[in-house]
Protein backbone atom coordinates (compact mmCIF):
# COMPACT_ATOMS: atom_id res chain seq x y z
CA MET A 1 -23.63 -89.57 -37.60
CA PHE A 2 -21.48 -88.79 -34.57
CA PHE A 3 -20.45 -85.49 -36.10
CA GLY A 4 -24.12 -84.60 -36.57
CA ALA A 5 -24.88 -85.60 -32.99
CA THR A 6 -22.02 -83.40 -31.76
CA LEU A 7 -23.35 -80.41 -33.68
CA PHE A 8 -26.82 -81.17 -32.33
CA LEU A 9 -25.53 -81.12 -28.75
CA ILE A 10 -23.76 -77.80 -29.31
CA ALA A 11 -26.96 -76.32 -30.79
CA VAL A 12 -29.14 -77.58 -27.94
CA LEU A 13 -26.67 -76.39 -25.30
CA GLY A 14 -26.65 -72.96 -26.94
CA LEU A 15 -30.45 -72.93 -26.82
CA ALA A 16 -30.42 -74.03 -23.18
CA LEU A 17 -27.99 -71.27 -22.25
CA PHE A 18 -30.09 -68.75 -24.15
CA ILE A 19 -33.23 -69.84 -22.30
CA SER A 20 -31.40 -69.67 -18.99
CA THR A 21 -30.53 -66.01 -19.56
CA PHE A 22 -34.24 -65.18 -19.42
CA SER A 23 -34.95 -67.23 -16.30
CA SER A 24 -34.59 -65.90 -12.79
CA THR A 25 -34.89 -69.27 -11.01
CA GLN A 26 -33.98 -72.84 -11.78
CA GLN A 27 -37.61 -73.92 -11.61
CA GLN A 28 -38.62 -71.30 -14.16
CA TYR A 29 -35.87 -72.51 -16.48
CA MET A 30 -36.95 -76.13 -16.08
CA PHE A 31 -40.55 -75.35 -17.04
CA VAL A 32 -39.55 -73.37 -20.13
CA ALA A 33 -36.92 -75.93 -21.19
CA PHE A 34 -39.38 -78.81 -20.78
CA PHE A 35 -41.97 -76.95 -22.84
CA CYS A 36 -39.46 -76.26 -25.63
CA MET A 37 -38.17 -79.84 -25.53
CA ILE A 38 -41.65 -81.33 -25.91
CA ILE A 39 -42.49 -78.98 -28.80
CA PHE A 40 -39.20 -79.74 -30.57
CA ILE A 41 -39.64 -83.50 -30.19
CA LEU A 42 -43.24 -83.49 -31.42
CA MET A 43 -42.35 -81.27 -34.38
CA SER A 44 -39.18 -83.18 -35.32
CA GLY A 45 -40.79 -85.68 -37.65
CA ILE A 46 -40.57 -88.70 -35.37
CA PHE A 47 -44.33 -89.13 -35.18
CA THR A 48 -45.51 -87.13 -38.20
CA PRO A 49 -43.67 -86.94 -41.54
CA TYR A 50 -42.28 -83.50 -42.33
CA GLU A 51 -44.09 -83.35 -45.67
CA SER A 52 -47.53 -83.85 -44.11
CA MET A 53 -47.11 -80.97 -41.64
CA PRO A 54 -48.85 -77.67 -42.34
CA GLU A 55 -46.84 -74.84 -43.90
CA TRP A 56 -46.34 -72.97 -40.61
CA ALA A 57 -44.99 -76.13 -38.95
CA GLN A 58 -42.53 -76.69 -41.78
CA ASP A 59 -41.37 -73.09 -41.40
CA PHE A 60 -40.99 -73.58 -37.63
CA ASN A 61 -38.78 -76.62 -38.18
CA ILE A 62 -36.08 -74.40 -39.66
CA ILE A 63 -34.97 -73.59 -36.08
CA ASN A 64 -35.62 -77.08 -34.70
CA PRO A 65 -32.31 -78.91 -34.16
CA VAL A 66 -34.09 -82.19 -33.34
CA ALA A 67 -35.62 -82.26 -36.84
CA TYR A 68 -32.17 -82.07 -38.43
CA LEU A 69 -30.83 -84.82 -36.17
CA MET A 70 -33.76 -87.07 -37.08
CA ARG A 71 -33.12 -86.49 -40.78
CA ILE A 72 -29.43 -87.32 -40.30
CA ASN A 73 -30.31 -90.48 -38.37
CA ARG A 74 -32.76 -91.64 -41.03
CA MET A 75 -30.42 -90.90 -43.89
CA VAL A 76 -27.41 -92.61 -42.32
CA MET A 77 -29.11 -95.58 -40.66
CA LEU A 78 -31.75 -96.43 -43.26
CA LYS A 79 -30.28 -95.18 -46.52
CA GLY A 80 -26.56 -95.50 -45.83
CA SER A 81 -25.92 -91.89 -46.78
CA SER A 82 -22.44 -90.40 -46.79
CA LEU A 83 -21.24 -87.05 -45.47
CA HIS A 84 -21.91 -85.51 -48.88
CA ASP A 85 -25.57 -86.58 -48.73
CA ILE A 86 -26.18 -85.08 -45.28
CA SER A 87 -24.16 -81.91 -45.84
CA ARG A 88 -27.27 -79.70 -45.98
CA GLU A 89 -28.38 -80.89 -42.54
CA ILE A 90 -24.83 -80.55 -41.18
CA TRP A 91 -24.57 -76.95 -42.38
CA SER A 92 -28.02 -76.15 -40.99
CA LEU A 93 -27.12 -77.58 -37.58
CA THR A 94 -23.87 -75.63 -37.65
CA ALA A 95 -25.75 -72.39 -38.35
CA ILE A 96 -28.28 -73.11 -35.59
CA ALA A 97 -25.47 -73.88 -33.13
CA ILE A 98 -23.68 -70.63 -33.98
CA VAL A 99 -26.84 -68.53 -33.77
CA PHE A 100 -28.08 -69.99 -30.46
CA SER A 101 -24.62 -69.85 -28.87
CA SER A 102 -24.07 -66.29 -30.08
CA LEU A 103 -27.44 -65.19 -28.72
CA ALA A 104 -26.67 -66.83 -25.37
CA VAL A 105 -23.26 -65.16 -25.09
CA ARG A 106 -24.66 -61.80 -26.14
CA ARG A 107 -27.56 -61.96 -23.68
CA TYR A 108 -25.49 -63.25 -20.76
CA ARG A 109 -24.91 -60.82 -17.93
CA LYS A 110 -23.14 -61.14 -14.63
CA THR A 111 -25.43 -61.24 -11.63
CA ALA A 112 -22.81 -61.43 -8.88
């Protein structure tokens, strides 16, 4: 579970850095980050089961790192799953972390 949480943090930090490359002020970044955070939390499956979401929402959850963390938490805490059982979510979080971090590094530019 801690390994999944570490990958989640790397993915979210990559997303935050990517968002910050589009923002010109800290306030602008905070508004966009808060908007994304609320959407990701509501779409993660905490309040609504993934299976009962419409098709477009299920497709959107492919890029939602919070959804993968919630699945890992449920599988480990409630079902007692091992690393083999959560490997799909681990690989997905790894891919998301690499993509978001790569996009952030590629988009970054010096402003000084």
